[in-house]
Amino acid sequence: MGSLGAGEIILILVIFLLLFGAKRLPDFARSLGKSLKEFKKATSEITDEIDSAVNSKEENKETKKTEPKDSEK
């Protein structure tokens, strides 16, 4: 199964036009755009949280390596 070609995309758009009418298509496009925006925002927030957790864990490892042990004091 490959990617969609131009003919398939046009056929899908014509079917949407016939099913929902020209007045509803902008509403669908707008809601799809909002959904994609929210999905990207949530994905970036999760990625940021994971990155910050990994960075803080790495910093903790580095500070443990540089701290003198009790026997060295």
C-alpha atoms as a PDB file:
ATOM      1  CA  MET A   1       0.000   0.000   0.000  1.00  0.00           C
ATOM      2  CA  GLY A   2       1.598   3.189  -1.200  1.00  0.00           C
ATOM      3  CA  SER A   3       0.805   6.802  -0.636  1.00  0.00           C
ATOM      4  CA  LEU A   4      -2.275   8.466  -2.050  1.00  0.00           C
ATOM      5  CA  GLY A   5      -2.000   9.902  -5.523  1.00  0.00           C
ATOM      6  CA  ALA A   6      -3.665  12.993  -6.921  1.00  0.00           C
ATOM      7  CA  GLY A   7      -6.577  11.003  -8.355  1.00  0.00           C
ATOM      8  CA  GLU A   8      -7.381   9.347  -5.042  1.00  0.00           C
ATOM      9  CA  ILE A   9      -7.272  12.643  -3.162  1.00  0.00           C
ATOM     10  CA  ILE A  10      -9.612  14.285  -5.681  1.00  0.00           C
ATOM     11  CA  LEU A  11     -12.012  11.336  -5.417  1.00  0.00           C
ATOM     12  CA  ILE A  12     -12.044  11.604  -1.610  1.00  0.00           C
ATOM     13  CA  LEU A  13     -12.712  15.357  -1.779  1.00  0.00           C
ATOM     14  CA  VAL A  14     -15.577  14.843  -4.247  1.00  0.00           C
ATOM     15  CA  ILE A  15     -17.123  12.214  -1.955  1.00  0.00           C
ATOM     16  CA  PHE A  16     -16.856  14.589   1.031  1.00  0.00           C
ATOM     17  CA  LEU A  17     -18.427  17.346  -1.050  1.00  0.00           C
ATOM     18  CA  LEU A  18     -21.324  15.109  -2.050  1.00  0.00           C
ATOM     19  CA  LEU A  19     -21.907  13.775   1.461  1.00  0.00           C
ATOM     20  CA  PHE A  20     -21.608  16.955   3.498  1.00  0.00           C
ATOM     21  CA  GLY A  21     -22.108  19.826   1.048  1.00  0.00           C
ATOM     22  CA  ALA A  22     -19.984  22.860   0.324  1.00  0.00           C
ATOM     23  CA  LYS A  23     -21.144  24.748   3.423  1.00  0.00           C
ATOM     24  CA  ARG A  24     -19.850  22.137   5.879  1.00  0.00           C
ATOM     25  CA  LEU A  25     -16.399  21.547   4.319  1.00  0.00           C
ATOM     26  CA  PRO A  26     -14.810  24.720   5.794  1.00  0.00           C
ATOM     27  CA  ASP A  27     -16.080  23.695   9.233  1.00  0.00           C
ATOM     28  CA  PHE A  28     -14.499  20.264   8.855  1.00  0.00           C
ATOM     29  CA  ALA A  29     -11.221  21.788   7.679  1.00  0.00           C
ATOM     30  CA  ARG A  30     -11.216  24.264  10.570  1.00  0.00           C
ATOM     31  CA  SER A  31     -11.889  21.571  13.166  1.00  0.00           C
ATOM     32  CA  LEU A  32      -9.225  19.341  11.610  1.00  0.00           C
ATOM     33  CA  GLY A  33      -6.717  22.201  11.821  1.00  0.00           C
ATOM     34  CA  LYS A  34      -7.560  22.834  15.470  1.00  0.00           C
ATOM     35  CA  SER A  35      -7.243  19.146  16.270  1.00  0.00           C
ATOM     36  CA  LEU A  36      -3.830  18.939  14.619  1.00  0.00           C
ATOM     37  CA  LYS A  37      -2.685  22.057  16.478  1.00  0.00           C
ATOM     38  CA  GLU A  38      -3.751  20.591  19.838  1.00  0.00           C
ATOM     39  CA  PHE A  39      -2.104  17.275  19.014  1.00  0.00           C
ATOM     40  CA  LYS A  40       1.192  18.961  18.123  1.00  0.00           C
ATOM     41  CA  LYS A  41       1.020  21.066  21.304  1.00  0.00           C
ATOM     42  CA  ALA A  42       0.416  18.022  23.491  1.00  0.00           C
ATOM     43  CA  THR A  43       3.188  16.096  21.738  1.00  0.00           C
ATOM     44  CA  SER A  44       5.696  18.910  22.238  1.00  0.00           C
ATOM     45  CA  GLU A  45       4.735  19.259  25.915  1.00  0.00           C
ATOM     46  CA  ILE A  46       5.277  15.548  26.504  1.00  0.00           C
ATOM     47  CA  THR A  47       8.601  15.671  24.652  1.00  0.00           C
ATOM     48  CA  ASP A  48       9.703  18.654  26.744  1.00  0.00           C
ATOM     49  CA  GLU A  49       8.783  16.843  29.973  1.00  0.00           C
ATOM     50  CA  ILE A  50      10.739  13.753  28.942  1.00  0.00           C
ATOM     51  CA  ASP A  51      13.760  15.848  27.931  1.00  0.00           C
ATOM     52  CA  SER A  52      13.747  17.758  31.221  1.00  0.00           C
ATOM     53  CA  ALA A  53      13.476  14.506  33.201  1.00  0.00           C
ATOM     54  CA  VAL A  54      16.396  12.990  31.303  1.00  0.00           C
ATOM     55  CA  ASN A  55      18.475  16.157  31.726  1.00  0.00           C
ATOM     56  CA  SER A  56      17.818  16.341  35.469  1.00  0.00           C
ATOM     57  CA  LYS A  57      18.704  12.670  35.856  1.00  0.00           C
ATOM     58  CA  GLU A  58      21.984  13.238  33.969  1.00  0.00           C
ATOM     59  CA  GLU A  59      22.769  16.261  36.161  1.00  0.00           C
ATOM     60  CA  ASN A  60      22.177  14.149  39.284  1.00  0.00           C
ATOM     61  CA  LYS A  61      24.612  11.525  38.007  1.00  0.00           C
ATOM     62  CA  GLU A  62      27.254  14.194  37.311  1.00  0.00           C
ATOM     63  CA  THR A  63      26.934  15.760  40.759  1.00  0.00           C
ATOM     64  CA  LYS A  64      27.245  12.355  42.415  1.00  0.00           C
ATOM     65  CA  LYS A  65      30.481  11.729  40.500  1.00  0.00           C
ATOM     66  CA  THR A  66      32.001  15.077  41.470  1.00  0.00           C
ATOM     67  CA  GLU A  67      31.011  15.012  45.163  1.00  0.00           C
ATOM     68  CA  PRO A  68      33.776  13.752  47.448  1.00  0.00           C
ATOM     69  CA  LYS A  69      33.052  10.549  49.289  1.00  0.00           C
ATOM     70  CA  ASP A  70      32.843  10.442  53.097  1.00  0.00           C
ATOM     71  CA  SER A  71      36.159   8.569  53.308  1.00  0.00           C
ATOM     72  CA  GLU A  72      37.947  11.289  51.307  1.00  0.00           C
ATOM     73  CA  LYS A  73      36.888  14.131  53.625  1.00  0.00           C
END
